Amino acid sequence: MSVDGTDRGPTPRFSLAASAGHAFGAIPPPALVLLGIVSVQIGSALAKYLFGAVGSFGTVALRLLFAAAVLMLMWRPSLRMDRRTWTVVLGYGVTLGLMNLCFYLSLARIPLGIAVTVEFLGPLVVALAGSRRWLDVLWAVLAAGGVVLLMEGSGDLDLLGLLFALAAGTCWGLYILVGAALGRHTTEGNGLALGMAVAALVAVPFGVAESGTALMQPWVLVAGLGVALMSSVIPYSLDLEALRRMPPRVFGILMSLEPAMAALIGLIVLQESLHWSQWIAVLCVVAASAGAARGTSPEA
């Protein structure tokens, strides 16, 4: 069923999506979430190896371009949408593009675990915003304490890298809000595919300006496709399937493990060791996020 409600009949996208659905169906929902977290962090770690060849902008451009191409082939979304829906899709895509640009700029300057921990403050603020529970004040204080520990153990951390991570976190918070609107205005993966295409249009000019023909090297293209699959296509697909089979509250609690997983992947894959106080800071943000997610209503 297309966005405008016109039945197109059987197409390859349905068989592909159905095949993926059957494969995912055999995996427990918590495992899907954890696999998605591991996938996106390994993708981020692999992206850092591309920075030397095409820079952070070039890497973002490749990731979003390939991710958009794969998702558009999978879903083949209709472009026949009303103005309000297009406004939401464009807002979603621009936010997604800016979030990735800022995150990769931070990733080029600071360790993966710290970048993800700082970025995670955006969704945490969204989760706590408007809360009237005293317990949520505790989670906010715990997260703030984590940030203080992060700064005290920063050592030679690049301040600009931290600011880019904060900007990415701000975009992530907006992304959650706009993503909710996208889900109300589009069906299946159509909105995601179109939004990813818009995000690619935002990022590609920056990548071309920074890297030029270096983006066309065969090994760079293959690596870029790998980053796109690991960082976007696989985790987004796993998350969507998990959300169909588990309460959003439980999903949010499991997603709170992402900063800790990022720090662990950074240590194993990139040999990025953190100071003991930075590890505590990561755990503070993880605990605050899990507590905030646990306190949401089951229907939220």
C-alpha atoms as a PDB file:
ATOM      1  CA  MET A   1       0.000   0.000   0.000  1.00  0.00           C
ATOM      2  CA  SER A   2       1.554   3.321  -1.045  1.00  0.00           C
ATOM      3  CA  VAL A   3       1.518   6.552   0.923  1.00  0.00           C
ATOM      4  CA  ASP A   4      -1.457   7.908  -0.981  1.00  0.00           C
ATOM      5  CA  GLY A   5      -3.410   4.709  -0.414  1.00  0.00           C
ATOM      6  CA  THR A   6      -3.156   3.361  -3.988  1.00  0.00           C
ATOM      7  CA  ASP A   7      -2.603  -0.391  -4.180  1.00  0.00           C
ATOM      8  CA  ARG A   8       0.284  -1.100  -6.528  1.00  0.00           C
ATOM      9  CA  GLY A   9       0.049  -4.871  -6.372  1.00  0.00           C
ATOM     10  CA  PRO A  10       2.951  -7.204  -5.542  1.00  0.00           C
ATOM     11  CA  THR A  11       6.400  -5.696  -5.972  1.00  0.00           C
ATOM     12  CA  PRO A  12       9.921  -6.849  -5.030  1.00  0.00           C
ATOM     13  CA  ARG A  13       9.964  -4.556  -2.034  1.00  0.00           C
ATOM     14  CA  PHE A  14       7.251  -6.615  -0.324  1.00  0.00           C
ATOM     15  CA  SER A  15       9.041  -9.928  -0.844  1.00  0.00           C
ATOM     16  CA  LEU A  16      12.302  -8.404   0.384  1.00  0.00           C
ATOM     17  CA  ALA A  17      10.696  -6.847   3.445  1.00  0.00           C
ATOM     18  CA  ALA A  18       8.740 -10.028   4.116  1.00  0.00           C
ATOM     19  CA  SER A  19      11.889 -12.140   3.894  1.00  0.00           C
ATOM     20  CA  ALA A  20      13.627  -9.869   6.362  1.00  0.00           C
ATOM     21  CA  GLY A  21      10.584 -10.008   8.625  1.00  0.00           C
ATOM     22  CA  HIS A  22      10.610 -13.810   8.645  1.00  0.00           C
ATOM     23  CA  ALA A  23      14.332 -13.865   9.425  1.00  0.00           C
ATOM     24  CA  PHE A  24      13.952 -11.363  12.265  1.00  0.00           C
ATOM     25  CA  GLY A  25      10.892 -13.188  13.580  1.00  0.00           C
ATOM     26  CA  ALA A  26      13.033 -16.041  14.870  1.00  0.00           C
ATOM     27  CA  ILE A  27      15.099 -13.675  17.029  1.00  0.00           C
ATOM     28  CA  PRO A  28      13.790 -12.524  20.456  1.00  0.00           C
ATOM     29  CA  PRO A  29      12.998  -8.762  20.508  1.00  0.00           C
ATOM     30  CA  PRO A  30      15.628  -7.879  23.182  1.00  0.00           C
ATOM     31  CA  ALA A  31      18.259  -9.597  21.053  1.00  0.00           C
ATOM     32  CA  LEU A  32      17.156  -7.545  18.038  1.00  0.00           C
ATOM     33  CA  VAL A  33      17.703  -4.323  19.984  1.00  0.00           C
ATOM     34  CA  LEU A  34      21.114  -5.427  21.242  1.00  0.00           C
ATOM     35  CA  LEU A  35      22.176  -6.533  17.758  1.00  0.00           C
ATOM     36  CA  GLY A  36      21.108  -3.146  16.428  1.00  0.00           C
ATOM     37  CA  ILE A  37      23.165  -1.357  19.081  1.00  0.00           C
ATOM     38  CA  VAL A  38      26.249  -3.457  18.295  1.00  0.00           C
ATOM     39  CA  SER A  39      25.750  -2.938  14.559  1.00  0.00           C
ATOM     40  CA  VAL A  40      25.501   0.861  14.709  1.00  0.00           C
ATOM     41  CA  GLN A  41      28.541   1.185  16.984  1.00  0.00           C
ATOM     42  CA  ILE A  42      30.677  -1.113  14.840  1.00  0.00           C
ATOM     43  CA  GLY A  43      29.568   0.979  11.870  1.00  0.00           C
ATOM     44  CA  SER A  44      30.707   4.136  13.663  1.00  0.00           C
ATOM     45  CA  ALA A  45      34.036   2.523  14.487  1.00  0.00           C
ATOM     46  CA  LEU A  46      34.532   1.501  10.849  1.00  0.00           C
ATOM     47  CA  ALA A  47      33.633   5.045   9.783  1.00  0.00           C
ATOM     48  CA  LYS A  48      36.609   6.418  11.702  1.00  0.00           C
ATOM     49  CA  TYR A  49      38.916   4.400   9.460  1.00  0.00           C
ATOM     50  CA  LEU A  50      37.482   6.249   6.449  1.00  0.00           C
ATOM     51  CA  PHE A  51      38.185   9.692   7.888  1.00  0.00           C
ATOM     52  CA  GLY A  52      41.791   9.640   6.712  1.00  0.00           C
ATOM     53  CA  ALA A  53      40.727   9.024   3.107  1.00  0.00           C
ATOM     54  CA  VAL A  54      37.587  11.123   2.667  1.00  0.00           C
ATOM     55  CA  GLY A  55      37.160  13.056   5.930  1.00  0.00           C
ATOM     56  CA  SER A  56      34.139  13.132   8.197  1.00  0.00           C
ATOM     57  CA  PHE A  57      31.900  14.887   5.636  1.00  0.00           C
ATOM     58  CA  GLY A  58      32.804  12.403   2.918  1.00  0.00           C
ATOM     59  CA  THR A  59      32.077   9.487   5.232  1.00  0.00           C
ATOM     60  CA  VAL A  60      28.662  10.894   6.187  1.00  0.00           C
ATOM     61  CA  ALA A  61      27.857  11.471   2.515  1.00  0.00           C
ATOM     62  CA  LEU A  62      28.677   7.855   1.623  1.00  0.00           C
ATOM     63  CA  ARG A  63      26.765   6.464   4.585  1.00  0.00           C
ATOM     64  CA  LEU A  64      23.570   8.398   3.914  1.00  0.00           C
ATOM     65  CA  LEU A  65      23.739   8.039   0.122  1.00  0.00           C
ATOM     66  CA  PHE A  66      24.076   4.256   0.218  1.00  0.00           C
ATOM     67  CA  ALA A  67      21.543   3.928   3.044  1.00  0.00           C
ATOM     68  CA  ALA A  68      19.041   6.001   1.060  1.00  0.00           C
ATOM     69  CA  ALA A  69      19.634   3.923  -2.077  1.00  0.00           C
ATOM     70  CA  VAL A  70      19.074   0.629  -0.222  1.00  0.00           C
ATOM     71  CA  LEU A  71      15.946   1.854   1.580  1.00  0.00           C
ATOM     72  CA  MET A  72      14.463   3.393  -1.563  1.00  0.00           C
ATOM     73  CA  LEU A  73      14.966   0.084  -3.416  1.00  0.00           C
ATOM     74  CA  MET A  74      13.415  -1.837  -0.528  1.00  0.00           C
ATOM     75  CA  TRP A  75      10.328   0.318  -0.083  1.00  0.00           C
ATOM     76  CA  ARG A  76       9.900   2.193  -3.387  1.00  0.00           C
ATOM     77  CA  PRO A  77       7.847   4.923  -1.697  1.00  0.00           C
ATOM     78  CA  SER A  78       5.300   6.982  -3.580  1.00  0.00           C
ATOM     79  CA  LEU A  79       6.063  10.681  -3.998  1.00  0.00           C
ATOM     80  CA  ARG A  80       2.347  11.519  -4.044  1.00  0.00           C
ATOM     81  CA  MET A  81       1.880  13.065  -0.617  1.00  0.00           C
ATOM     82  CA  ASP A  82       0.125  16.138   0.664  1.00  0.00           C
ATOM     83  CA  ARG A  83       2.014  19.279   1.639  1.00  0.00           C
ATOM     84  CA  ARG A  84       1.851  18.564   5.371  1.00  0.00           C
ATOM     85  CA  THR A  85       3.358  15.097   4.936  1.00  0.00           C
ATOM     86  CA  TRP A  86       6.136  16.455   2.741  1.00  0.00           C
ATOM     87  CA  THR A  87       6.888  19.085   5.383  1.00  0.00           C
ATOM     88  CA  VAL A  88       7.310  16.344   7.987  1.00  0.00           C
ATOM     89  CA  VAL A  89       9.477  14.226   5.650  1.00  0.00           C
ATOM     90  CA  LEU A  90      11.692  17.202   4.811  1.00  0.00           C
ATOM     91  CA  GLY A  91      12.034  18.148   8.477  1.00  0.00           C
ATOM     92  CA  TYR A  92      12.905  14.567   9.363  1.00  0.00           C
ATOM     93  CA  GLY A  93      15.498  14.304   6.591  1.00  0.00           C
ATOM     94  CA  VAL A  94      17.185  17.637   7.327  1.00  0.00           C
ATOM     95  CA  THR A  95      17.363  16.797  11.038  1.00  0.00           C
ATOM     96  CA  LEU A  96      18.786  13.354  10.258  1.00  0.00           C
ATOM     97  CA  GLY A  97      21.385  14.837   7.928  1.00  0.00           C
ATOM     98  CA  LEU A  98      22.518  17.512  10.397  1.00  0.00           C
ATOM     99  CA  MET A  99      22.620  14.969  13.246  1.00  0.00           C
ATOM    100  CA  ASN A 100      24.972  12.730  11.279  1.00  0.00           C
ATOM    101  CA  LEU A 101      27.178  15.612  10.123  1.00  0.00           C
ATOM    102  CA  CYS A 102      27.602  16.873  13.696  1.00  0.00           C
ATOM    103  CA  PHE A 103      28.156  13.394  15.120  1.00  0.00           C
ATOM    104  CA  TYR A 104      30.873  12.501  12.617  1.00  0.00           C
ATOM    105  CA  LEU A 105      32.572  15.849  13.204  1.00  0.00           C
ATOM    106  CA  SER A 106      32.673  14.989  16.906  1.00  0.00           C
ATOM    107  CA  LEU A 107      33.806  11.433  16.169  1.00  0.00           C
ATOM    108  CA  ALA A 108      36.806  12.810  14.264  1.00  0.00           C
ATOM    109  CA  ARG A 109      37.923  14.662  17.414  1.00  0.00           C
ATOM    110  CA  ILE A 110      36.946  12.606  20.483  1.00  0.00           C
ATOM    111  CA  PRO A 111      36.619   8.888  21.366  1.00  0.00           C
ATOM    112  CA  LEU A 112      33.529   6.996  20.203  1.00  0.00           C
ATOM    113  CA  GLY A 113      32.319   6.213  23.728  1.00  0.00           C
ATOM    114  CA  ILE A 114      32.443   9.834  24.841  1.00  0.00           C
ATOM    115  CA  ALA A 115      30.841  11.121  21.622  1.00  0.00           C
ATOM    116  CA  VAL A 116      27.884   8.753  21.991  1.00  0.00           C
ATOM    117  CA  THR A 117      27.536   9.463  25.729  1.00  0.00           C
ATOM    118  CA  VAL A 118      27.341  13.228  25.164  1.00  0.00           C
ATOM    119  CA  GLU A 119      25.026  12.776  22.171  1.00  0.00           C
ATOM    120  CA  PHE A 120      22.749  10.581  24.290  1.00  0.00           C
ATOM    121  CA  LEU A 121      21.906  13.595  26.455  1.00  0.00           C
ATOM    122  CA  GLY A 122      19.546  14.763  23.684  1.00  0.00           C
ATOM    123  CA  PRO A 123      17.130  11.808  23.913  1.00  0.00           C
ATOM    124  CA  LEU A 124      17.446  11.912  27.701  1.00  0.00           C
ATOM    125  CA  VAL A 125      16.288  15.543  27.786  1.00  0.00           C
ATOM    126  CA  VAL A 126      13.323  14.611  25.575  1.00  0.00           C
ATOM    127  CA  ALA A 127      12.446  11.737  27.932  1.00  0.00           C
ATOM    128  CA  LEU A 128      12.612  13.998  31.000  1.00  0.00           C
ATOM    129  CA  ALA A 129      10.997  17.095  29.467  1.00  0.00           C
ATOM    130  CA  GLY A 130       7.664  17.942  30.988  1.00  0.00           C
ATOM    131  CA  SER A 131       7.940  15.270  33.669  1.00  0.00           C
ATOM    132  CA  ARG A 132       6.294  16.009  37.021  1.00  0.00           C
ATOM    133  CA  ARG A 133       7.780  13.063  38.899  1.00  0.00           C
ATOM    134  CA  TRP A 134      10.353  13.739  41.579  1.00  0.00           C
ATOM    135  CA  LEU A 135      12.180  10.570  40.624  1.00  0.00           C
ATOM    136  CA  ASP A 136      12.961  12.047  37.216  1.00  0.00           C
ATOM    137  CA  VAL A 137      14.786  14.885  38.970  1.00  0.00           C
ATOM    138  CA  LEU A 138      17.127  12.179  40.306  1.00  0.00           C
ATOM    139  CA  TRP A 139      17.778  10.887  36.801  1.00  0.00           C
ATOM    140  CA  ALA A 140      18.506  14.424  35.577  1.00  0.00           C
ATOM    141  CA  VAL A 141      20.944  14.999  38.449  1.00  0.00           C
ATOM    142  CA  LEU A 142      22.612  11.641  37.759  1.00  0.00           C
ATOM    143  CA  ALA A 143      23.067  12.537  34.092  1.00  0.00           C
ATOM    144  CA  ALA A 144      24.441  15.968  35.045  1.00  0.00           C
ATOM    145  CA  GLY A 145      26.868  14.269  37.413  1.00  0.00           C
ATOM    146  CA  GLY A 146      27.983  12.058  34.556  1.00  0.00           C
ATOM    147  CA  VAL A 147      28.680  15.117  32.424  1.00  0.00           C
ATOM    148  CA  VAL A 148      30.717  16.686  35.245  1.00  0.00           C
ATOM    149  CA  LEU A 149      32.770  13.492  35.590  1.00  0.00           C
ATOM    150  CA  LEU A 150      33.243  13.428  31.839  1.00  0.00           C
ATOM    151  CA  MET A 151      34.633  16.948  31.896  1.00  0.00           C
ATOM    152  CA  GLU A 152      36.902  16.337  34.898  1.00  0.00           C
ATOM    153  CA  GLY A 153      38.402  13.288  33.251  1.00  0.00           C
ATOM    154  CA  SER A 154      38.579  14.942  29.846  1.00  0.00           C
ATOM    155  CA  GLY A 155      42.344  15.447  29.803  1.00  0.00           C
ATOM    156  CA  ASP A 156      43.163  16.300  26.203  1.00  0.00           C
ATOM    157  CA  LEU A 157      39.596  16.023  24.913  1.00  0.00           C
ATOM    158  CA  ASP A 158      38.873  18.391  22.058  1.00  0.00           C
ATOM    159  CA  LEU A 159      36.347  21.032  23.175  1.00  0.00           C
ATOM    160  CA  LEU A 160      35.046  21.467  19.635  1.00  0.00           C
ATOM    161  CA  GLY A 161      34.459  17.724  19.452  1.00  0.00           C
ATOM    162  CA  LEU A 162      32.357  17.881  22.619  1.00  0.00           C
ATOM    163  CA  LEU A 163      30.356  20.802  21.227  1.00  0.00           C
ATOM    164  CA  PHE A 164      29.681  18.899  18.000  1.00  0.00           C
ATOM    165  CA  ALA A 165      28.509  15.926  20.098  1.00  0.00           C
ATOM    166  CA  LEU A 166      26.145  18.230  21.994  1.00  0.00           C
ATOM    167  CA  ALA A 167      24.855  19.606  18.689  1.00  0.00           C
ATOM    168  CA  ALA A 168      24.310  16.034  17.479  1.00  0.00           C
ATOM    169  CA  GLY A 169      22.440  15.299  20.713  1.00  0.00           C
ATOM    170  CA  THR A 170      20.220  18.319  20.169  1.00  0.00           C
ATOM    171  CA  CYS A 171      19.465  17.086  16.653  1.00  0.00           C
ATOM    172  CA  TRP A 172      18.788  13.599  18.048  1.00  0.00           C
ATOM    173  CA  GLY A 173      16.205  15.042  20.426  1.00  0.00           C
ATOM    174  CA  LEU A 174      14.522  16.855  17.535  1.00  0.00           C
ATOM    175  CA  TYR A 175      14.816  13.693  15.436  1.00  0.00           C
ATOM    176  CA  ILE A 176      12.770  11.767  18.019  1.00  0.00           C
ATOM    177  CA  LEU A 177      10.027  14.385  17.998  1.00  0.00           C
ATOM    178  CA  VAL A 178       9.921  14.704  14.212  1.00  0.00           C
ATOM    179  CA  GLY A 179      10.190  10.924  13.857  1.00  0.00           C
ATOM    180  CA  ALA A 180       7.013  10.512  15.900  1.00  0.00           C
ATOM    181  CA  ALA A 181       5.233  12.858  13.490  1.00  0.00           C
ATOM    182  CA  LEU A 182       6.688  10.925  10.547  1.00  0.00           C
ATOM    183  CA  GLY A 183       5.183   7.716  11.902  1.00  0.00           C
ATOM    184  CA  ARG A 184       1.761   9.363  12.046  1.00  0.00           C
ATOM    185  CA  HIS A 185       1.897  10.670   8.480  1.00  0.00           C
ATOM    186  CA  THR A 186       3.533   7.781   6.591  1.00  0.00           C
ATOM    187  CA  THR A 187       3.241   4.000   6.468  1.00  0.00           C
ATOM    188  CA  GLU A 188       5.718   1.110   6.688  1.00  0.00           C
ATOM    189  CA  GLY A 189       9.250   2.234   5.749  1.00  0.00           C
ATOM    190  CA  ASN A 190       8.160   4.823   3.199  1.00  0.00           C
ATOM    191  CA  GLY A 191       8.801   7.840   5.414  1.00  0.00           C
ATOM    192  CA  LEU A 192      12.172   6.474   6.535  1.00  0.00           C
ATOM    193  CA  ALA A 193      13.278   5.896   2.942  1.00  0.00           C
ATOM    194  CA  LEU A 194      12.246   9.364   1.779  1.00  0.00           C
ATOM    195  CA  GLY A 195      13.702  10.995   4.882  1.00  0.00           C
ATOM    196  CA  MET A 196      17.003   9.199   4.330  1.00  0.00           C
ATOM    197  CA  ALA A 197      17.041  10.451   0.741  1.00  0.00           C
ATOM    198  CA  VAL A 198      16.559  14.027   1.969  1.00  0.00           C
ATOM    199  CA  ALA A 199      19.333  13.519   4.525  1.00  0.00           C
ATOM    200  CA  ALA A 200      21.622  12.330   1.728  1.00  0.00           C
ATOM    201  CA  LEU A 201      20.829  15.471  -0.274  1.00  0.00           C
ATOM    202  CA  VAL A 202      21.857  17.516   2.772  1.00  0.00           C
ATOM    203  CA  ALA A 203      25.134  15.662   3.345  1.00  0.00           C
ATOM    204  CA  VAL A 204      26.419  14.846  -0.144  1.00  0.00           C
ATOM    205  CA  PRO A 205      27.339  18.441  -1.132  1.00  0.00           C
ATOM    206  CA  PHE A 206      29.504  18.718   2.007  1.00  0.00           C
ATOM    207  CA  GLY A 207      31.161  15.386   1.205  1.00  0.00           C
ATOM    208  CA  VAL A 208      31.870  16.294  -2.414  1.00  0.00           C
ATOM    209  CA  ALA A 209      33.258  19.697  -1.402  1.00  0.00           C
ATOM    210  CA  GLU A 210      35.597  18.114   1.146  1.00  0.00           C
ATOM    211  CA  SER A 211      36.721  14.976  -0.679  1.00  0.00           C
ATOM    212  CA  GLY A 212      35.958  15.366  -4.388  1.00  0.00           C
ATOM    213  CA  THR A 213      36.999  12.411  -6.552  1.00  0.00           C
ATOM    214  CA  ALA A 214      38.451  10.560  -3.548  1.00  0.00           C
ATOM    215  CA  LEU A 215      34.874   9.412  -2.899  1.00  0.00           C
ATOM    216  CA  MET A 216      34.950   7.401  -6.145  1.00  0.00           C
ATOM    217  CA  GLN A 217      37.814   5.077  -5.172  1.00  0.00           C
ATOM    218  CA  PRO A 218      36.497   1.487  -5.326  1.00  0.00           C
ATOM    219  CA  TRP A 219      37.652   0.527  -1.823  1.00  0.00           C
ATOM    220  CA  VAL A 220      36.140   3.733  -0.414  1.00  0.00           C
ATOM    221  CA  LEU A 221      32.798   2.949  -2.049  1.00  0.00           C
ATOM    222  CA  VAL A 222      32.814  -0.595  -0.663  1.00  0.00           C
ATOM    223  CA  ALA A 223      33.730   0.678   2.814  1.00  0.00           C
ATOM    224  CA  GLY A 224      31.046   3.359   2.576  1.00  0.00           C
ATOM    225  CA  LEU A 225      28.446   0.735   1.695  1.00  0.00           C
ATOM    226  CA  GLY A 226      29.553  -1.297   4.715  1.00  0.00           C
ATOM    227  CA  VAL A 227      29.202   1.719   6.997  1.00  0.00           C
ATOM    228  CA  ALA A 228      25.746   2.449   5.579  1.00  0.00           C
ATOM    229  CA  LEU A 229      24.563  -1.108   6.164  1.00  0.00           C
ATOM    230  CA  MET A 230      26.036  -1.379   9.676  1.00  0.00           C
ATOM    231  CA  SER A 231      25.115   2.126  10.840  1.00  0.00           C
ATOM    232  CA  SER A 232      21.740   2.710   9.182  1.00  0.00           C
ATOM    233  CA  VAL A 233      20.005  -0.055   7.240  1.00  0.00           C
ATOM    234  CA  ILE A 234      20.549  -2.993   9.621  1.00  0.00           C
ATOM    235  CA  PRO A 235      19.990  -1.221  12.973  1.00  0.00           C
ATOM    236  CA  TYR A 236      16.951   0.756  11.763  1.00  0.00           C
ATOM    237  CA  SER A 237      15.383  -2.435  10.399  1.00  0.00           C
ATOM    238  CA  LEU A 238      16.108  -4.321  13.617  1.00  0.00           C
ATOM    239  CA  ASP A 239      14.673  -1.504  15.729  1.00  0.00           C
ATOM    240  CA  LEU A 240      11.467  -1.332  13.689  1.00  0.00           C
ATOM    241  CA  GLU A 241      10.943  -5.089  14.041  1.00  0.00           C
ATOM    242  CA  ALA A 242      11.699  -4.993  17.775  1.00  0.00           C
ATOM    243  CA  LEU A 243       9.223  -2.146  18.335  1.00  0.00           C
ATOM    244  CA  ARG A 244       6.485  -4.210  16.699  1.00  0.00           C
ATOM    245  CA  ARG A 245       6.980  -6.953  19.289  1.00  0.00           C
ATOM    246  CA  MET A 246       7.869  -5.203  22.550  1.00  0.00           C
ATOM    247  CA  PRO A 247       6.636  -2.192  24.594  1.00  0.00           C
ATOM    248  CA  PRO A 248       8.400   1.110  23.753  1.00  0.00           C
ATOM    249  CA  ARG A 249       9.289   1.467  27.443  1.00  0.00           C
ATOM    250  CA  VAL A 250      11.317  -1.767  27.381  1.00  0.00           C
ATOM    251  CA  PHE A 251      12.865  -0.729  24.077  1.00  0.00           C
ATOM    252  CA  GLY A 252      13.974   2.556  25.639  1.00  0.00           C
ATOM    253  CA  ILE A 253      15.578   0.799  28.586  1.00  0.00           C
ATOM    254  CA  LEU A 254      17.566  -1.502  26.292  1.00  0.00           C
ATOM    255  CA  MET A 255      18.621   1.423  24.092  1.00  0.00           C
ATOM    256  CA  SER A 256      20.114   3.018  27.207  1.00  0.00           C
ATOM    257  CA  LEU A 257      22.970   0.542  26.888  1.00  0.00           C
ATOM    258  CA  GLU A 258      24.212   2.330  23.756  1.00  0.00           C
ATOM    259  CA  PRO A 259      26.797   4.644  25.417  1.00  0.00           C
ATOM    260  CA  ALA A 260      28.359   1.719  27.285  1.00  0.00           C
ATOM    261  CA  MET A 261      28.430  -0.388  24.116  1.00  0.00           C
ATOM    262  CA  ALA A 262      30.002   2.515  22.207  1.00  0.00           C
ATOM    263  CA  ALA A 263      32.746   2.809  24.821  1.00  0.00           C
ATOM    264  CA  LEU A 264      33.349  -0.957  24.674  1.00  0.00           C
ATOM    265  CA  ILE A 265      33.454  -1.047  20.849  1.00  0.00           C
ATOM    266  CA  GLY A 266      35.778   1.965  20.888  1.00  0.00           C
ATOM    267  CA  LEU A 267      38.109   0.116  23.242  1.00  0.00           C
ATOM    268  CA  ILE A 268      38.091  -3.157  21.279  1.00  0.00           C
ATOM    269  CA  VAL A 269      38.032  -1.916  17.679  1.00  0.00           C
ATOM    270  CA  LEU A 270      39.710   1.493  17.930  1.00  0.00           C
ATOM    271  CA  GLN A 271      41.879   0.983  21.032  1.00  0.00           C
ATOM    272  CA  GLU A 272      40.325   4.094  22.583  1.00  0.00           C
ATOM    273  CA  SER A 273      40.846   3.690  26.325  1.00  0.00           C
ATOM    274  CA  LEU A 274      38.873   5.916  28.703  1.00  0.00           C
ATOM    275  CA  HIS A 275      39.863   7.248  32.117  1.00  0.00           C
ATOM    276  CA  TRP A 276      38.146   5.490  35.043  1.00  0.00           C
ATOM    277  CA  SER A 277      36.083   8.610  35.756  1.00  0.00           C
ATOM    278  CA  GLN A 278      34.893   8.653  32.141  1.00  0.00           C
ATOM    279  CA  TRP A 279      33.702   5.048  32.463  1.00  0.00           C
ATOM    280  CA  ILE A 280      31.733   6.067  35.562  1.00  0.00           C
ATOM    281  CA  ALA A 281      30.333   9.024  33.615  1.00  0.00           C
ATOM    282  CA  VAL A 282      29.163   6.684  30.846  1.00  0.00           C
ATOM    283  CA  LEU A 283      27.464   4.423  33.399  1.00  0.00           C
ATOM    284  CA  CYS A 284      25.774   7.434  35.029  1.00  0.00           C
ATOM    285  CA  VAL A 285      24.216   8.454  31.717  1.00  0.00           C
ATOM    286  CA  VAL A 286      23.216   4.827  31.001  1.00  0.00           C
ATOM    287  CA  ALA A 287      21.533   4.537  34.420  1.00  0.00           C
ATOM    288  CA  ALA A 288      19.786   7.906  34.053  1.00  0.00           C
ATOM    289  CA  SER A 289      18.489   7.014  30.605  1.00  0.00           C
ATOM    290  CA  ALA A 290      17.283   3.581  31.738  1.00  0.00           C
ATOM    291  CA  GLY A 291      15.569   5.119  34.763  1.00  0.00           C
ATOM    292  CA  ALA A 292      13.845   7.749  32.645  1.00  0.00           C
ATOM    293  CA  ALA A 293      12.704   5.122  30.125  1.00  0.00           C
ATOM    294  CA  ARG A 294      11.457   2.835  32.902  1.00  0.00           C
ATOM    295  CA  GLY A 295       9.341   5.653  34.272  1.00  0.00           C
ATOM    296  CA  THR A 296       7.443   6.244  31.041  1.00  0.00           C
ATOM    297  CA  SER A 297       3.936   4.890  30.648  1.00  0.00           C
ATOM    298  CA  PRO A 298       3.709   1.467  28.990  1.00  0.00           C
ATOM    299  CA  GLU A 299       1.761   2.978  26.101  1.00  0.00           C
ATOM    300  CA  ALA A 300       4.288   5.762  25.485  1.00  0.00           C
END
